[in-house]
PDB file of N, CA and C in Angstrom:
ATOM      1  N   MET A   1    -112.416  12.672-133.985  1.00  0.00           N
ATOM      2  CA  MET A   1    -111.209  11.900-134.165  1.00  0.00           C
ATOM      3  C   MET A   1    -110.558  12.333-135.470  1.00  0.00           C
ATOM      4  N   LYS A   2    -109.273  12.530-135.419  1.00  0.00           N
ATOM      5  CA  LYS A   2    -108.536  12.961-136.604  1.00  0.00           C
ATOM      6  C   LYS A   2    -107.334  12.053-136.830  1.00  0.00           C
ATOM      7  N   VAL A   3    -107.037  11.817-138.099  1.00  0.00           N
ATOM      8  CA  VAL A   3    -105.834  11.065-138.458  1.00  0.00           C
ATOM      9  C   VAL A   3    -104.649  11.994-138.236  1.00  0.00           C
ATOM     10  N   LYS A   4    -103.597  11.482-137.624  1.00  0.00           N
ATOM     11  CA  LYS A   4    -102.400  12.300-137.399  1.00  0.00           C
ATOM     12  C   LYS A   4    -101.840  12.773-138.732  1.00  0.00           C
ATOM     13  N   LYS A   5    -101.295  13.981-138.732  1.00  0.00           N
ATOM     14  CA  LYS A   5    -100.814  14.630-139.957  1.00  0.00           C
ATOM     15  C   LYS A   5     -99.805  13.806-140.738  1.00  0.00           C
ATOM     16  N   ASN A   6     -98.913  13.166-140.054  1.00  0.00           N
ATOM     17  CA  ASN A   6     -97.806  12.492-140.744  1.00  0.00           C
ATOM     18  C   ASN A   6     -98.164  11.083-141.240  1.00  0.00           C
ATOM     19  N   VAL A   7     -99.354  10.590-140.926  1.00  0.00           N
ATOM     20  CA  VAL A   7     -99.763   9.249-141.351  1.00  0.00           C
ATOM     21  C   VAL A   7    -100.148   9.280-142.827  1.00  0.00           C
ATOM     22  N   ALA A   8     -99.591   8.342-143.587  1.00  0.00           N
ATOM     23  CA  ALA A   8     -99.840   8.295-145.029  1.00  0.00           C
ATOM     24  C   ALA A   8    -100.649   7.051-145.380  1.00  0.00           C
ATOM     25  N   LEU A   9    -101.569   7.211-146.333  1.00  0.00           N
ATOM     26  CA  LEU A   9    -102.387   6.114-146.827  1.00  0.00           C
ATOM     27  C   LEU A   9    -102.225   6.036-148.336  1.00  0.00           C
ATOM     28  N   SER A  10    -101.779   4.876-148.823  1.00  0.00           N
ATOM     29  CA  SER A  10    -101.620   4.700-150.268  1.00  0.00           C
ATOM     30  C   SER A  10    -102.933   4.247-150.887  1.00  0.00           C
ATOM     31  N   ASP A  11    -103.013   4.328-152.208  1.00  0.00           N
ATOM     32  CA  ASP A  11    -104.207   3.879-152.928  1.00  0.00           C
ATOM     33  C   ASP A  11    -104.447   2.383-152.784  1.00  0.00           C
ATOM     34  N   SER A  12    -103.408   1.637-152.440  1.00  0.00           N
ATOM     35  CA  SER A  12    -103.545   0.188-152.296  1.00  0.00           C
ATOM     36  C   SER A  12    -103.894  -0.241-150.868  1.00  0.00           C
ATOM     37  N   GLY A  13    -104.082   0.733-149.952  1.00  0.00           N
ATOM     38  CA  GLY A  13    -104.474   0.411-148.587  1.00  0.00           C
ATOM     39  C   GLY A  13    -103.322   0.260-147.619  1.00  0.00           C
ATOM     40  N   PHE A  14    -102.139   0.678-148.013  1.00  0.00           N
ATOM     41  CA  PHE A  14    -100.967   0.624-147.155  1.00  0.00           C
ATOM     42  C   PHE A  14    -100.961   1.886-146.295  1.00  0.00           C
ATOM     43  N   LEU A  15    -100.988   1.716-144.985  1.00  0.00           N
ATOM     44  CA  LEU A  15    -101.028   2.815-144.031  1.00  0.00           C
ATOM     45  C   LEU A  15     -99.690   2.865-143.308  1.00  0.00           C
ATOM     46  N   PHE A  16     -99.034   4.020-143.330  1.00  0.00           N
ATOM     47  CA  PHE A  16     -97.708   4.149-142.732  1.00  0.00           C
ATOM     48  C   PHE A  16     -97.706   5.269-141.711  1.00  0.00           C
ATOM     49  N   ASN A  17     -97.208   4.960-140.513  1.00  0.00           N
ATOM     50  CA  ASN A  17     -97.067   5.932-139.443  1.00  0.00           C
ATOM     51  C   ASN A  17     -95.578   6.175-139.228  1.00  0.00           C
ATOM     52  N   PRO A  18     -95.020   7.244-139.803  1.00  0.00           N
ATOM     53  CA  PRO A  18     -93.581   7.468-139.704  1.00  0.00           C
ATOM     54  C   PRO A  18     -93.089   7.766-138.290  1.00  0.00           C
ATOM     55  N   SER A  19     -93.950   8.246-137.416  1.00  0.00           N
ATOM     56  CA  SER A  19     -93.489   8.535-136.056  1.00  0.00           C
ATOM     57  C   SER A  19     -93.177   7.251-135.287  1.00  0.00           C
ATOM     58  N   SER A  20     -93.866   6.154-135.629  1.00  0.00           N
ATOM     59  CA  SER A  20     -93.584   4.884-134.964  1.00  0.00           C
ATOM     60  C   SER A  20     -92.808   3.925-135.861  1.00  0.00           C
ATOM     61  N   GLY A  21     -92.812   4.198-137.175  1.00  0.00           N
ATOM     62  CA  GLY A  21     -92.168   3.304-138.128  1.00  0.00           C
ATOM     63  C   GLY A  21     -93.028   2.104-138.488  1.00  0.00           C
ATOM     64  N   GLU A  22     -94.232   2.069-137.949  1.00  0.00           N
ATOM     65  CA  GLU A  22     -95.139   0.945-138.189  1.00  0.00           C
ATOM     66  C   GLU A  22     -95.934   1.150-139.475  1.00  0.00           C
ATOM     67  N   SER A  23     -96.269   0.035-140.104  1.00  0.00           N
ATOM     68  CA  SER A  23     -97.138   0.088-141.284  1.00  0.00           C
ATOM     69  C   SER A  23     -98.220  -0.969-141.139  1.00  0.00           C
ATOM     70  N   TYR A  24     -99.342  -0.706-141.769  1.00  0.00           N
ATOM     71  CA  TYR A  24    -100.508  -1.568-141.665  1.00  0.00           C
ATOM     72  C   TYR A  24    -101.183  -1.634-143.028  1.00  0.00           C
ATOM     73  N   SER A  25    -101.988  -2.651-143.217  1.00  0.00           N
ATOM     74  CA  SER A  25    -102.813  -2.759-144.415  1.00  0.00           C
ATOM     75  C   SER A  25    -104.267  -2.632-143.991  1.00  0.00           C
ATOM     76  N   VAL A  26    -105.020  -1.845-144.733  1.00  0.00           N
ATOM     77  CA  VAL A  26    -106.451  -1.729-144.468  1.00  0.00           C
ATOM     78  C   VAL A  26    -107.213  -2.132-145.722  1.00  0.00           C
ATOM     79  N   ASN A  27    -108.403  -2.674-145.517  1.00  0.00           N
ATOM     80  CA  ASN A  27    -109.223  -3.072-146.652  1.00  0.00           C
ATOM     81  C   ASN A  27    -109.870  -1.831-147.282  1.00  0.00           C
ATOM     82  N   PRO A  28    -110.558  -1.991-148.414  1.00  0.00           N
ATOM     83  CA  PRO A  28    -111.144  -0.820-149.087  1.00  0.00           C
ATOM     84  C   PRO A  28    -112.109  -0.015-148.221  1.00  0.00           C
ATOM     85  N   ILE A  29    -112.877  -0.669-147.359  1.00  0.00           N
ATOM     86  CA  ILE A  29    -113.790   0.091-146.503  1.00  0.00           C
ATOM     87  C   ILE A  29    -112.999   0.851-145.445  1.00  0.00           C
ATOM     88  N   GLY A  30    -111.932   0.245-144.922  1.00  0.00           N
ATOM     89  CA  GLY A  30    -111.047   0.956-144.004  1.00  0.00           C
ATOM     90  C   GLY A  30    -110.432   2.177-144.660  1.00  0.00           C
ATOM     91  N   GLN A  31    -110.062   2.043-145.927  1.00  0.00           N
ATOM     92  CA  GLN A  31    -109.527   3.183-146.681  1.00  0.00           C
ATOM     93  C   GLN A  31    -110.570   4.296-146.761  1.00  0.00           C
ATOM     94  N   GLU A  32    -111.808   3.933-147.062  1.00  0.00           N
ATOM     95  CA  GLU A  32    -112.882   4.932-147.142  1.00  0.00           C
ATOM     96  C   GLU A  32    -113.038   5.664-145.820  1.00  0.00           C
ATOM     97  N   ILE A  33    -113.027   4.907-144.729  1.00  0.00           N
ATOM     98  CA  ILE A  33    -113.199   5.513-143.406  1.00  0.00           C
ATOM     99  C   ILE A  33    -112.056   6.475-143.107  1.00  0.00           C
ATOM    100  N   ILE A  34    -110.834   6.073-143.385  1.00  0.00           N
ATOM    101  CA  ILE A  34    -109.676   6.944-143.125  1.00  0.00           C
ATOM    102  C   ILE A  34    -109.750   8.199-143.988  1.00  0.00           C
ATOM    103  N   LYS A  35    -110.141   8.043-145.243  1.00  0.00           N
ATOM    104  CA  LYS A  35    -110.293   9.222-146.114  1.00  0.00           C
ATOM    105  C   LYS A  35    -111.354  10.170-145.569  1.00  0.00           C
ATOM    106  N   MET A  36    -112.469   9.609-145.070  1.00  0.00           N
ATOM    107  CA  MET A  36    -113.516  10.462-144.492  1.00  0.00           C
ATOM    108  C   MET A  36    -113.018  11.154-143.224  1.00  0.00           C
ATOM    109  N   LEU A  37    -112.219  10.452-142.411  1.00  0.00           N
ATOM    110  CA  LEU A  37    -111.635  11.093-141.229  1.00  0.00           C
ATOM    111  C   LEU A  37    -110.707  12.232-141.645  1.00  0.00           C
ATOM    112  N   ASN A  38    -109.942  12.030-142.713  1.00  0.00           N
ATOM    113  CA  ASN A  38    -109.062  13.090-143.214  1.00  0.00           C
ATOM    114  C   ASN A  38    -109.855  14.301-143.697  1.00  0.00           C
ATOM    115  N   GLU A  39    -111.086  14.057-144.146  1.00  0.00           N
ATOM    116  CA  GLU A  39    -111.964  15.139-144.594  1.00  0.00           C
ATOM    117  C   GLU A  39    -112.758  15.721-143.428  1.00  0.00           C
ATOM    118  N   GLU A  40    -112.421  15.289-142.214  1.00  0.00           N
ATOM    119  CA  GLU A  40    -113.030  15.744-140.976  1.00  0.00           C
ATOM    120  C   GLU A  40    -114.509  15.392-140.875  1.00  0.00           C
ATOM    121  N   SER A  41    -114.892  14.252-141.443  1.00  0.00           N
ATOM    122  CA  SER A  41    -116.258  13.757-141.291  1.00  0.00           C
ATOM    123  C   SER A  41    -116.435  13.255-139.861  1.00  0.00           C
ATOM    124  N   SER A  42    -117.629  13.461-139.328  1.00  0.00           N
ATOM    125  CA  SER A  42    -117.926  12.965-137.983  1.00  0.00           C
ATOM    126  C   SER A  42    -118.230  11.469-138.047  1.00  0.00           C
ATOM    127  N   GLU A  43    -118.249  10.838-136.892  1.00  0.00           N
ATOM    128  CA  GLU A  43    -118.580   9.421-136.842  1.00  0.00           C
ATOM    129  C   GLU A  43    -119.966   9.183-137.445  1.00  0.00           C
ATOM    130  N   GLU A  44    -120.922  10.041-137.123  1.00  0.00           N
ATOM    131  CA  GLU A  44    -122.279   9.885-137.648  1.00  0.00           C
ATOM    132  C   GLU A  44    -122.302  10.059-139.170  1.00  0.00           C
ATOM    133  N   GLU A  45    -121.533  11.000-139.697  1.00  0.00           N
ATOM    134  CA  GLU A  45    -121.465  11.177-141.156  1.00  0.00           C
ATOM    135  C   GLU A  45    -120.862   9.946-141.831  1.00  0.00           C
ATOM    136  N   ILE A  46    -119.852   9.375-141.210  1.00  0.00           N
ATOM    137  CA  ILE A  46    -119.224   8.166-141.756  1.00  0.00           C
ATOM    138  C   ILE A  46    -120.233   7.020-141.760  1.00  0.00           C
ATOM    139  N   ILE A  47    -120.946   6.855-140.659  1.00  0.00           N
ATOM    140  CA  ILE A  47    -121.945   5.788-140.563  1.00  0.00           C
ATOM    141  C   ILE A  47    -123.027   5.986-141.618  1.00  0.00           C
ATOM    142  N   ALA A  48    -123.530   7.203-141.750  1.00  0.00           N
ATOM    143  CA  ALA A  48    -124.588   7.479-142.729  1.00  0.00           C
ATOM    144  C   ALA A  48    -124.121   7.174-144.153  1.00  0.00           C
ATOM    145  N   THR A  49    -122.909   7.566-144.472  1.00  0.00           N
ATOM    146  CA  THR A  49    -122.363   7.314-145.813  1.00  0.00           C
ATOM    147  C   THR A  49    -122.257   5.820-146.092  1.00  0.00           C
ATOM    148  N   LEU A  50    -121.724   5.084-145.129  1.00  0.00           N
ATOM    149  CA  LEU A  50    -121.550   3.647-145.321  1.00  0.00           C
ATOM    150  C   LEU A  50    -122.891   2.906-145.353  1.00  0.00           C
ATOM    151  N   LEU A  51    -123.865   3.373-144.579  1.00  0.00           N
ATOM    152  CA  LEU A  51    -125.194   2.749-144.612  1.00  0.00           C
ATOM    153  C   LEU A  51    -125.854   2.918-145.978  1.00  0.00           C
ATOM    154  N   GLU A  52    -125.638   4.075-146.597  1.00  0.00           N
ATOM    155  CA  GLU A  52    -126.192   4.313-147.935  1.00  0.00           C
ATOM    156  C   GLU A  52    -125.515   3.430-148.981  1.00  0.00           C
ATOM    157  N   LYS A  53    -124.244   3.199-148.789  1.00  0.00           N
ATOM    158  CA  LYS A  53    -123.444   2.522-149.804  1.00  0.00           C
ATOM    159  C   LYS A  53    -123.471   0.997-149.702  1.00  0.00           C
ATOM    160  N   TYR A  54    -123.587   0.471-148.485  1.00  0.00           N
ATOM    161  CA  TYR A  54    -123.472  -0.972-148.274  1.00  0.00           C
ATOM    162  C   TYR A  54    -124.729  -1.529-147.610  1.00  0.00           C
ATOM    163  N   ASN A  55    -125.021  -2.763-147.892  1.00  0.00           N
ATOM    164  CA  ASN A  55    -126.163  -3.458-147.310  1.00  0.00           C
ATOM    165  C   ASN A  55    -125.742  -4.049-145.965  1.00  0.00           C
ATOM    166  N   VAL A  56    -125.885  -3.242-144.920  1.00  0.00           N
ATOM    167  CA  VAL A  56    -125.459  -3.655-143.582  1.00  0.00           C
ATOM    168  C   VAL A  56    -126.430  -3.063-142.554  1.00  0.00           C
ATOM    169  N   GLU A  57    -126.625  -3.785-141.476  1.00  0.00           N
ATOM    170  CA  GLU A  57    -127.470  -3.293-140.382  1.00  0.00           C
ATOM    171  C   GLU A  57    -126.729  -2.206-139.618  1.00  0.00           C
ATOM    172  N   ARG A  58    -127.469  -1.190-139.181  1.00  0.00           N
ATOM    173  CA  ARG A  58    -126.858  -0.066-138.470  1.00  0.00           C
ATOM    174  C   ARG A  58    -126.104  -0.530-137.221  1.00  0.00           C
ATOM    175  N   ASP A  59    -126.708  -1.418-136.428  1.00  0.00           N
ATOM    176  CA  ASP A  59    -126.050  -1.885-135.197  1.00  0.00           C
ATOM    177  C   ASP A  59    -124.717  -2.562-135.491  1.00  0.00           C
ATOM    178  N   THR A  60    -124.696  -3.373-136.526  1.00  0.00           N
ATOM    179  CA  THR A  60    -123.461  -4.066-136.922  1.00  0.00           C
ATOM    180  C   THR A  60    -122.411  -3.063-137.359  1.00  0.00           C
ATOM    181  N   LEU A  61    -122.824  -2.095-138.175  1.00  0.00           N
ATOM    182  CA  LEU A  61    -121.883  -1.082-138.662  1.00  0.00           C
ATOM    183  C   LEU A  61    -121.335  -0.246-137.514  1.00  0.00           C
ATOM    184  N   GLU A  62    -122.186   0.166-136.603  1.00  0.00           N
ATOM    185  CA  GLU A  62    -121.721   0.979-135.471  1.00  0.00           C
ATOM    186  C   GLU A  62    -120.693   0.220-134.633  1.00  0.00           C
ATOM    187  N   LYS A  63    -120.932  -1.057-134.394  1.00  0.00           N
ATOM    188  CA  LYS A  63    -119.973  -1.870-133.634  1.00  0.00           C
ATOM    189  C   LYS A  63    -118.655  -1.976-134.391  1.00  0.00           C
ATOM    190  N   ASP A  64    -118.738  -2.251-135.701  1.00  0.00           N
ATOM    191  CA  ASP A  64    -117.524  -2.380-136.507  1.00  0.00           C
ATOM    192  C   ASP A  64    -116.743  -1.070-136.560  1.00  0.00           C
ATOM    193  N   ILE A  65    -117.441   0.057-136.662  1.00  0.00           N
ATOM    194  CA  ILE A  65    -116.780   1.371-136.675  1.00  0.00           C
ATOM    195  C   ILE A  65    -116.076   1.605-135.339  1.00  0.00           C
ATOM    196  N   ARG A  66    -116.757   1.315-134.238  1.00  0.00           N
ATOM    197  CA  ARG A  66    -116.118   1.493-132.915  1.00  0.00           C
ATOM    198  C   ARG A  66    -114.875   0.618-132.787  1.00  0.00           C
ATOM    199  N   ASP A  67    -114.968  -0.616-133.246  1.00  0.00           N
ATOM    200  CA  ASP A  67    -113.812  -1.517-133.203  1.00  0.00           C
ATOM    201  C   ASP A  67    -112.668  -0.966-134.058  1.00  0.00           C
ATOM    202  N   PHE A  68    -112.987  -0.494-135.257  1.00  0.00           N
ATOM    203  CA  PHE A  68    -111.963   0.043-136.154  1.00  0.00           C
ATOM    204  C   PHE A  68    -111.314   1.286-135.553  1.00  0.00           C
ATOM    205  N   PHE A  69    -112.129   2.189-134.999  1.00  0.00           N
ATOM    206  CA  PHE A  69    -111.586   3.390-134.358  1.00  0.00           C
ATOM    207  C   PHE A  69    -110.686   3.010-133.189  1.00  0.00           C
ATOM    208  N   GLY A  70    -111.084   1.991-132.428  1.00  0.00           N
ATOM    209  CA  GLY A  70    -110.257   1.526-131.315  1.00  0.00           C
ATOM    210  C   GLY A  70    -108.906   1.029-131.789  1.00  0.00           C
ATOM    211  N   MET A  71    -108.900   0.315-132.911  1.00  0.00           N
ATOM    212  CA  MET A  71    -107.632  -0.161-133.471  1.00  0.00           C
ATOM    213  C   MET A  71    -106.777   1.005-133.946  1.00  0.00           C
ATOM    214  N   LEU A  72    -107.395   1.993-134.592  1.00  0.00           N
ATOM    215  CA  LEU A  72    -106.641   3.161-135.048  1.00  0.00           C
ATOM    216  C   LEU A  72    -106.010   3.890-133.871  1.00  0.00           C
ATOM    217  N   GLU A  73    -106.746   4.008-132.772  1.00  0.00           N
ATOM    218  CA  GLU A  73    -106.207   4.647-131.567  1.00  0.00           C
ATOM    219  C   GLU A  73    -105.071   3.818-130.973  1.00  0.00           C
ATOM    220  N   LEU A  74    -105.285   2.514-130.867  1.00  0.00           N
ATOM    221  CA  LEU A  74    -104.278   1.613-130.303  1.00  0.00           C
ATOM    222  C   LEU A  74    -102.965   1.704-131.065  1.00  0.00           C
ATOM    223  N   TYR A  75    -103.034   1.786-132.375  1.00  0.00           N
ATOM    224  CA  TYR A  75    -101.837   1.837-133.208  1.00  0.00           C
ATOM    225  C   TYR A  75    -101.295   3.249-133.399  1.00  0.00           C
ATOM    226  N   GLY A  76    -101.914   4.232-132.765  1.00  0.00           N
ATOM    227  CA  GLY A  76    -101.400   5.593-132.811  1.00  0.00           C
ATOM    228  C   GLY A  76    -101.580   6.282-134.150  1.00  0.00           C
ATOM    229  N   VAL A  77    -102.588   5.866-134.897  1.00  0.00           N
ATOM    230  CA  VAL A  77    -102.833   6.452-136.226  1.00  0.00           C
ATOM    231  C   VAL A  77    -103.690   7.711-136.120  1.00  0.00           C
ATOM    232  N   VAL A  78    -104.527   7.771-135.085  1.00  0.00           N
ATOM    233  CA  VAL A  78    -105.420   8.922-134.895  1.00  0.00           C
ATOM    234  C   VAL A  78    -105.139   9.577-133.555  1.00  0.00           C
ATOM    235  N   LYS A  79    -105.587  10.793-133.457  1.00  0.00           N
ATOM    236  CA  LYS A  79    -105.555  11.469-132.170  1.00  0.00           C
ATOM    237  C   LYS A  79    -107.003  11.711-131.749  1.00  0.00           C
ATOM    238  N   PRO A  80    -107.296  11.544-130.481  1.00  0.00           N
ATOM    239  CA  PRO A  80    -108.683  11.714-130.013  1.00  0.00           C
ATOM    240  C   PRO A  80    -109.155  13.150-130.162  1.00  0.00           C
ATOM    241  N   GLU A  81    -110.475  13.309-130.211  1.00  0.00           N
ATOM    242  CA  GLU A  81    -111.054  14.643-130.284  1.00  0.00           C
ATOM    243  C   GLU A  81    -110.681  15.441-129.051  1.00  0.00           C
ATOM    244  N   GLU A  82    -110.472  16.719-129.252  1.00  0.00           N
ATOM    245  CA  GLU A  82    -110.185  17.589-128.112  1.00  0.00           C
ATOM    246  C   GLU A  82    -111.488  18.091-127.536  1.00  0.00           C
ATOM    247  N   ALA A  83    -111.579  18.088-126.237  1.00  0.00           N
ATOM    248  CA  ALA A  83    -112.832  18.512-125.579  1.00  0.00           C
ATOM    249  C   ALA A  83    -112.957  20.009-125.534  1.00  0.00           C
TER     250      ALA A  83
END
């Protein structure tokens, strides 16, 4: 999964998609995830990084990551992986 090229993320968590004109706010962990996606980190790399950094159960984190990715897809912020 990759963040679309034209999507901008500010240091304060403001996410702007100029192709749709929509803007969103993400929390600091959402910002981290988007930055890792921009660095082309895989889902597993993102999960591993967050597990090291935060006191959270793997199952909970995996569910939350899937939910977050689903929201990013729904809002047109990311493009799905190409097969």
